[in-house]
Protein backbone atom coordinates (compact mmCIF):
# COMPACT_ATOMS: atom_id res chain seq x y z
CA MET A 1 33.27 22.05 43.16
CA PRO A 2 34.17 24.02 46.38
CA TYR A 3 37.60 25.74 46.50
CA ASP A 4 39.59 26.51 49.59
CA ARG A 5 43.20 27.71 48.94
CA ASP A 6 44.63 26.17 52.14
CA LYS A 7 42.89 22.82 51.55
CA ALA A 8 44.12 22.77 48.00
CA ARG A 9 47.72 23.35 49.27
CA GLU A 10 47.22 20.44 51.75
CA VAL A 11 45.87 18.22 49.01
CA PHE A 12 49.19 18.52 47.14
CA GLU A 13 51.25 18.27 50.20
CA SER A 14 49.72 14.88 51.01
CA SER A 15 49.57 13.70 47.35
CA THR A 16 51.48 10.56 46.37
CA ASP A 17 53.93 10.93 43.46
CA PHE A 18 53.04 9.30 40.20
CA THR A 19 49.73 7.71 40.88
CA VAL A 20 47.70 7.75 37.72
CA GLY A 21 44.14 8.14 36.69
CA LEU A 22 43.01 7.76 33.04
CA GLU A 23 39.92 9.16 31.34
CA GLU A 24 38.48 8.58 27.82
CA GLU A 25 35.46 10.01 26.14
CA PHE A 26 33.34 8.23 23.61
CA GLY A 27 30.41 9.18 21.34
CA LEU A 28 27.26 7.09 21.60
CA LEU A 29 26.32 5.95 18.16
CA ASP A 30 23.48 4.42 16.23
CA PRO A 31 25.02 1.03 15.04
CA GLU A 32 23.49 1.34 11.60
CA THR A 33 23.95 5.04 10.71
CA LEU A 34 26.85 5.73 13.16
CA SER A 35 25.19 9.14 13.84
CA LEU A 36 25.25 10.34 17.53
CA VAL A 37 22.32 9.27 19.73
CA ASN A 38 21.17 10.86 22.98
CA ARG A 39 21.19 7.78 25.20
CA PHE A 40 23.64 8.60 27.89
CA GLU A 41 21.35 8.06 30.77
CA GLU A 42 20.40 4.50 29.57
CA LEU A 43 23.98 3.38 29.15
CA SER A 44 25.04 5.09 32.48
CA GLU A 45 22.21 3.34 34.41
CA ALA A 46 23.17 0.04 32.96
CA ALA A 47 26.87 0.60 33.71
CA ALA A 48 25.90 1.43 37.42
CA ARG A 49 24.71 -2.11 37.72
CA ASP A 50 27.98 -3.65 36.55
CA ASP A 51 30.33 -4.81 39.26
CA VAL A 52 33.36 -3.22 37.54
CA LEU A 53 31.82 -0.29 35.69
CA GLY A 54 29.81 1.00 38.66
CA GLY A 55 31.23 4.34 39.61
CA SER A 56 33.64 4.33 36.66
CA VAL A 57 31.47 6.09 34.02
CA ALA A 58 30.42 9.83 33.97
CA GLY A 59 28.57 12.14 31.75
CA GLU A 60 30.51 14.77 29.77
CA LEU A 61 28.22 17.62 28.84
CA ILE A 62 26.03 16.05 26.12
CA ALA A 63 23.66 13.02 26.23
CA SER A 64 25.47 11.37 23.20
CA GLU A 65 28.80 11.12 25.06
CA ILE A 66 30.20 9.07 27.84
CA GLU A 67 33.45 9.01 29.81
CA ILE A 68 35.13 6.03 31.20
CA ARG A 69 37.56 6.48 34.28
CA SER A 70 40.15 4.10 35.55
CA GLY A 71 40.19 5.45 39.08
CA ARG A 72 43.47 5.77 40.90
CA GLY A 73 46.19 3.44 39.83
CA GLU A 74 49.35 3.01 41.77
CA ASP A 75 51.33 3.55 38.56
CA PHE A 76 50.56 3.67 34.81
CA ALA A 77 50.52 0.01 34.40
CA ASP A 78 47.97 -0.39 37.15
CA ALA A 79 45.76 2.33 35.86
CA LEU A 80 45.87 1.02 32.28
CA GLU A 81 44.90 -2.52 33.38
CA ARG A 82 41.82 -0.98 35.10
CA GLN A 83 41.05 1.18 32.21
CA ARG A 84 41.19 -1.46 29.50
CA GLU A 85 38.94 -3.79 31.46
CA ARG A 86 36.48 -0.97 32.00
CA ARG A 87 36.70 -0.06 28.27
CA ARG A 88 35.96 -3.61 27.09
CA ARG A 89 33.00 -3.92 29.49
CA LEU A 90 31.59 -0.61 28.34
CA PHE A 91 31.82 -1.60 24.70
CA ALA A 92 30.14 -4.95 25.28
CA LEU A 93 27.35 -3.27 27.42
CA ALA A 94 26.74 -0.62 24.69
CA HIS A 95 26.47 -3.42 22.13
CA ASP A 96 23.97 -5.29 24.25
CA LEU A 97 21.90 -2.10 24.42
CA GLY A 98 21.93 -1.56 20.71
CA MET A 99 24.56 1.10 20.53
CA SER A 100 28.15 1.47 19.14
CA LEU A 101 30.88 3.52 20.59
CA GLY A 102 33.31 5.65 18.66
CA ALA A 103 35.99 8.21 19.32
CA THR A 104 37.33 10.93 17.14
CA GLY A 105 38.02 14.42 18.34
CA LEU A 106 34.69 15.42 16.82
CA HIS A 107 31.82 13.49 15.23
CA PRO A 108 32.25 13.90 11.44
CA TRP A 109 28.71 14.92 10.66
CA SER A 110 26.21 14.91 13.67
CA ARG A 111 24.97 18.42 14.24
CA TRP A 112 25.69 20.10 17.57
CA GLN A 113 22.18 21.51 17.45
CA ASP A 114 20.84 17.93 17.81
CA GLN A 115 22.72 17.08 20.93
CA ARG A 116 21.04 17.48 24.33
CA ILE A 117 22.85 18.83 27.43
CA ILE A 118 22.69 16.30 30.25
CA ASP A 119 20.63 17.37 33.27
CA THR A 120 23.18 17.55 36.13
CA PRO A 121 23.92 20.55 38.36
CA HIS A 122 27.45 20.89 36.91
CA TYR A 123 26.43 20.90 33.28
CA ARG A 124 23.39 23.01 33.88
CA LEU A 125 25.91 25.52 35.36
CA VAL A 126 28.28 25.09 32.35
CA GLU A 127 25.36 25.73 30.00
CA GLU A 128 23.95 28.76 31.90
CA THR A 129 27.50 30.31 32.05
CA LEU A 130 28.69 29.68 28.41
CA LYS A 131 25.56 29.35 26.40
CA TYR A 132 26.49 28.89 22.66
CA VAL A 133 30.04 28.04 23.62
CA ALA A 134 28.71 25.05 25.59
CA TRP A 135 26.19 24.08 22.96
CA ARG A 136 28.84 24.12 20.23
CA ASN A 137 31.40 22.07 22.20
CA ASN A 138 30.54 18.60 21.03
CA THR A 139 34.12 17.32 21.38
CA PHE A 140 35.89 14.14 22.64
CA SER A 141 39.27 13.91 24.27
CA VAL A 142 41.47 11.81 26.63
CA HIS A 143 42.91 13.01 30.03
CA VAL A 144 45.42 11.86 32.37
CA HIS A 145 45.83 12.66 36.00
CA VAL A 146 49.30 12.09 37.61
CA GLY A 147 49.79 12.52 41.44
CA ILE A 148 52.44 15.21 42.26
CA ASN A 149 53.51 15.76 45.80
CA GLY A 150 54.08 19.50 46.61
CA PRO A 151 51.95 22.46 45.42
CA ASP A 152 54.88 24.44 44.00
CA ARG A 153 56.13 21.35 42.27
CA ALA A 154 52.72 20.75 40.65
CA VAL A 155 52.57 24.19 39.26
CA ALA A 156 56.23 23.91 38.07
CA VAL A 157 55.29 20.70 36.20
CA CYS A 158 52.47 22.60 34.45
CA ASP A 159 54.86 25.39 33.52
CA ALA A 160 57.50 23.08 32.23
CA LEU A 161 55.17 21.12 29.97
CA ARG A 162 53.74 24.22 28.26
CA PRO A 163 56.13 23.77 25.21
CA VAL A 164 55.39 20.03 25.03
CA LEU A 165 51.62 20.48 24.60
CA PRO A 166 51.76 20.94 20.85
CA THR A 167 53.74 17.83 20.23
CA LEU A 168 51.27 15.72 22.27
CA LEU A 169 48.40 17.44 20.37
CA ALA A 170 50.08 16.66 17.01
CA ALA A 171 50.49 12.96 18.05
CA SER A 172 46.95 12.60 19.00
CA ALA A 173 45.26 14.45 16.06
CA ASN A 174 42.12 12.71 15.24
CA SER A 175 39.57 15.14 13.88
CA ALA A 176 39.81 16.06 10.19
CA PHE A 177 36.12 16.14 9.53
CA SER A 178 33.45 18.30 11.23
CA GLU A 179 29.74 19.28 10.42
CA GLY A 180 29.93 17.06 7.36
CA VAL A 181 32.95 18.64 5.60
CA PHE A 182 36.68 17.81 5.30
CA THR A 183 38.24 20.65 7.31
CA GLY A 184 41.83 20.37 6.23
CA LEU A 185 42.72 20.53 9.88
CA HIS A 186 44.26 17.59 11.70
CA SER A 187 42.75 18.48 15.06
CA THR A 188 39.56 20.47 14.36
CA ARG A 189 38.51 19.69 17.92
CA SER A 190 41.26 21.80 19.31
CA GLU A 191 40.47 24.76 17.04
CA ILE A 192 36.86 24.65 18.22
CA PHE A 193 37.46 23.76 21.90
CA THR A 194 40.44 25.89 22.79
CA ARG A 195 39.52 28.94 20.65
CA MET A 196 35.97 29.17 21.98
CA PHE A 197 36.18 28.25 25.68
CA PRO A 198 37.42 30.86 28.08
CA ARG A 199 40.54 30.08 30.18
CA CYS A 200 41.58 27.36 27.68
CA GLY A 201 44.52 26.26 25.62
CA VAL A 202 48.14 27.04 26.62
CA PRO A 203 48.29 28.42 30.22
CA ASP A 204 50.38 31.17 31.58
CA HIS A 205 53.68 30.43 33.23
CA PHE A 206 53.03 30.96 37.04
CA GLY A 207 56.28 30.03 38.78
CA GLY A 208 54.71 28.73 41.94
CA PHE A 209 51.53 27.73 43.76
CA ASP A 210 50.85 31.13 45.35
CA ALA A 211 50.80 32.91 41.95
CA TYR A 212 48.31 30.24 40.66
CA ALA A 213 46.16 30.40 43.73
CA ASP A 214 46.01 34.26 43.51
CA TYR A 215 44.70 33.86 40.04
CA VAL A 216 42.06 31.35 41.13
CA ASP A 217 41.16 33.58 44.15
CA LEU A 218 40.69 36.57 41.75
CA LEU A 219 38.39 34.62 39.42
CA PHE A 220 36.24 33.53 42.45
CA LYS A 221 36.24 36.92 43.85
CA VAL A 222 34.96 38.73 40.62
CA ASN A 223 32.41 35.94 39.95
CA SER A 224 34.06 34.69 36.82
CA ILE A 225 33.94 31.11 38.11
CA VAL A 226 32.19 29.17 40.81
CA GLU A 227 34.24 26.02 40.37
CA HIS A 228 37.97 25.75 40.05
CA THR A 229 37.47 23.23 37.28
CA GLN A 230 36.14 26.09 35.08
CA ILE A 231 39.75 26.74 34.29
CA TRP A 232 39.91 24.48 31.15
CA TRP A 233 43.52 24.72 30.22
CA SER A 234 45.29 22.01 28.27
CA ILE A 235 47.23 21.32 31.44
CA ARG A 236 46.26 22.27 34.94
CA PRO A 237 46.94 21.47 38.66
CA HIS A 238 43.78 19.75 39.79
CA LEU A 239 43.17 21.37 43.26
CA SER A 240 40.81 18.52 44.56
CA PHE A 241 42.82 15.53 43.49
CA GLY A 242 46.42 16.69 44.00
CA THR A 243 47.30 15.84 40.49
CA VAL A 244 48.51 17.43 37.30
CA GLU A 245 45.90 16.94 34.65
CA LEU A 246 46.87 16.81 31.03
CA ARG A 247 43.92 17.33 28.71
CA VAL A 248 45.31 18.51 25.33
CA MET A 249 44.82 15.27 23.31
CA ASP A 250 42.05 14.20 20.87
CA ALA A 251 40.05 11.05 21.79
CA GLN A 252 41.29 7.84 20.12
CA GLY A 253 38.99 5.06 18.69
CA ARG A 254 41.70 2.38 19.00
CA ALA A 255 42.59 1.20 22.53
CA ASP A 256 46.22 0.59 21.54
CA GLU A 257 46.70 4.18 20.28
CA SER A 258 44.90 5.67 23.21
CA SER A 259 47.07 3.63 25.59
CA ALA A 260 50.20 4.83 23.78
CA LEU A 261 49.29 8.47 24.07
CA LEU A 262 48.23 8.18 27.76
CA ALA A 263 51.52 6.44 28.51
CA LEU A 264 53.57 9.26 26.91
CA ALA A 265 51.55 12.01 28.63
CA THR A 266 51.95 10.23 31.95
CA ALA A 267 55.68 9.90 31.56
CA CYS A 268 56.04 13.54 30.49
CA ILE A 269 54.34 14.72 33.77
CA ALA A 270 56.57 12.43 35.87
CA GLN A 271 59.79 13.42 34.02
CA ALA A 272 59.05 17.13 34.47
CA ALA A 273 58.66 16.54 38.20
CA LEU A 274 62.02 14.81 38.33
CA ASP A 275 63.65 17.51 36.34
CA TYR A 276 62.24 20.11 38.80
CA ASP A 277 63.74 18.04 41.69
CA VAL A 278 67.26 18.46 40.23
CA GLY A 279 66.85 22.01 39.06
CA ARG A 280 66.95 21.10 35.37
CA LEU A 281 63.89 23.10 34.14
CA ALA A 282 64.36 25.45 31.30
CA GLU A 283 63.51 29.16 31.30
CA PRO A 284 59.87 30.04 30.55
CA LEU A 285 58.90 30.67 26.91
CA PRO A 286 56.37 33.43 25.85
CA PRO A 287 52.99 32.18 25.09
CA ARG A 288 53.22 33.54 21.50
CA LEU A 289 55.84 31.01 20.62
CA ILE A 290 54.04 28.04 22.16
CA GLU A 291 50.80 29.19 20.40
CA GLU A 292 52.68 29.19 17.12
CA ASN A 293 53.49 25.51 17.52
CA PHE A 294 49.99 24.83 18.86
CA TRP A 295 48.49 26.18 15.56
CA ARG A 296 50.88 24.01 13.57
CA ALA A 297 49.80 20.94 15.53
CA ILE A 298 46.11 21.78 14.85
CA ARG A 299 46.70 22.37 11.12
CA TYR A 300 49.28 19.81 10.15
CA GLY A 301 49.50 17.31 13.10
CA LEU A 302 52.34 14.76 12.78
CA SER A 303 52.71 15.42 9.00
CA GLY A 304 53.88 18.91 9.52
CA GLU A 305 56.85 20.71 11.24
CA LEU A 306 57.14 22.23 14.81
CA ILE A 307 59.56 24.94 15.73
CA ASP A 308 62.51 23.93 17.80
CA LEU A 309 62.10 26.94 20.09
CA GLU A 310 65.73 26.53 21.48
CA ARG A 311 67.37 26.64 18.11
CA GLY A 312 64.82 28.78 16.32
CA GLU A 313 64.19 26.45 13.40
CA SER A 314 61.52 24.03 12.12
CA ILE A 315 61.97 20.39 12.55
CA PRO A 316 59.50 17.50 11.56
CA ALA A 317 56.89 17.01 14.12
CA ARG A 318 57.69 13.21 14.21
CA ALA A 319 61.26 14.18 15.07
CA ARG A 320 59.99 16.26 17.95
CA LEU A 321 57.90 13.39 19.13
CA GLU A 322 60.90 11.09 18.92
CA GLN A 323 62.90 13.54 21.16
CA LEU A 324 60.00 13.47 23.69
CA VAL A 325 59.88 9.69 23.73
CA ASP A 326 63.71 9.56 24.37
CA TRP A 327 63.30 12.16 27.19
CA VAL A 328 60.81 10.16 29.16
CA GLN A 329 62.13 6.62 28.43
CA PRO A 330 63.81 6.05 31.94
CA VAL A 331 60.72 7.21 33.99
CA ALA A 332 58.41 5.38 31.65
CA GLU A 333 60.20 2.12 32.62
CA GLU A 334 59.57 2.85 36.25
CA LEU A 335 55.89 3.55 35.76
CA GLY A 336 55.20 0.54 33.61
CA ALA A 337 54.48 2.74 30.56
CA ALA A 338 57.64 2.15 28.50
CA SER A 339 56.20 -0.77 26.50
CA TRP A 340 53.41 1.44 25.23
CA LEU A 341 55.61 4.28 23.94
CA ALA A 342 55.49 4.31 20.15
CA ILE A 343 55.91 6.62 17.12
CA PRO A 344 52.98 5.68 14.80
CA GLU A 345 53.60 5.29 11.13
CA ARG A 346 50.32 7.29 10.71
CA ASN A 347 48.10 8.61 13.38
CA ALA A 348 44.34 8.78 13.10
CA ALA A 349 44.15 12.15 11.33
CA GLU A 350 46.78 11.02 8.76
CA ARG A 351 44.74 7.84 7.95
CA GLN A 352 41.53 9.95 7.56
CA MET A 353 43.34 12.33 5.22
CA ALA A 354 44.96 9.52 3.19
CA ARG A 355 41.56 7.81 2.68
CA HIS A 356 39.94 11.19 1.72
CA GLU A 357 42.62 11.69 -0.91
CA GLU A 358 41.93 8.19 -2.20
CA GLY A 359 38.32 9.19 -2.66
CA ALA A 360 36.66 7.41 0.31
CA SER A 361 33.59 9.14 1.62
CA MET A 362 33.44 10.73 5.03
CA GLU A 363 30.88 8.04 6.10
CA GLU A 364 33.22 5.19 4.87
CA ILE A 365 36.24 6.71 6.68
CA PHE A 366 34.39 7.05 10.00
CA ALA A 367 32.90 3.49 9.73
CA GLU A 368 36.40 2.06 9.25
CA GLN A 369 37.56 3.99 12.36
CA VAL A 370 34.67 2.84 14.40
CA ARG A 371 35.08 -0.92 13.30
CA ALA A 372 38.85 -0.71 13.98
CA GLY A 373 38.12 0.53 17.52
CA GLU A 374 35.83 -2.31 18.06
CA ARG A 375 38.36 -4.87 16.84
CA VAL A 376 41.51 -3.62 18.64
CA GLY A 377 40.50 -4.12 22.25
CA GLY A 378 37.30 -2.13 22.20
């Protein structure tokens, strides 16, 4: 993806505040065994012939994965309406082709060695650049793009949301199994993805667009990257779209739970922009403190505690999530996202762990999640 510093600045200067784009990733499954199957091209070609899905699906590294995109919505409500219709159609199309779709942060047992990298210029480049890191990354997530007017403002939003990332990760945790074993982690996806990929996880605090662009310029100059999207942080300014992209959350099998998380993430970005406008942003925190909470979210999810970094004491992760929902409530109303904000009694990882403790097998637990996803809106 070509990069030009001045054009990137212009993209943000012309961006419209709080437009929304949603992205969800799904594994392609054999409907009988629920193992991953390398059939992306078949499903993608069929989707291209659909009046609604055409142009709305994309590959995401491996041939056993597909991404569905809402396109640009004028606000969250508009984007979600588009996304849910596309999601329903994709589930129906997959069924017609003899496939199931499922979404957890990782497939519980399918081996990464059995997944094929799709043959596109972008992913050939990713594979050539990263080798084992790319092969090993069979992960699934949800992303949200929110339009932010102003390049310095967009970077300030990314800066401001660094401490929020662990809470969003804890809320979304959905990957307690990997490679056929119970890992004891709530988000094994995050441990694999953010600890293996370069330029990933919690970003630095930059303070403004020029500092961020200097960093991107350096990476191009020394041939560390050839596309600006090779910066895979959990939140980043997207230099082609004029958006802030939040990409920290595990994929969700159930449409209602995915919608709730995407609503919260959208509102967090918008609220941070509004706080910037009135000079209400907090002083930057050192990465080591945010990383401590990031690990807690990976390990314990919503069942654990996060550090209140202002008071220097631990609080339940659910209490921190409640604080986050309260913070974004006003702007969520404006964006058509408020009705989706929710504190789950149990998130997906907690349900997986509870069933594991009851003696259910990994296969039974995953099958229950896939079937629930098919029932709740697909």
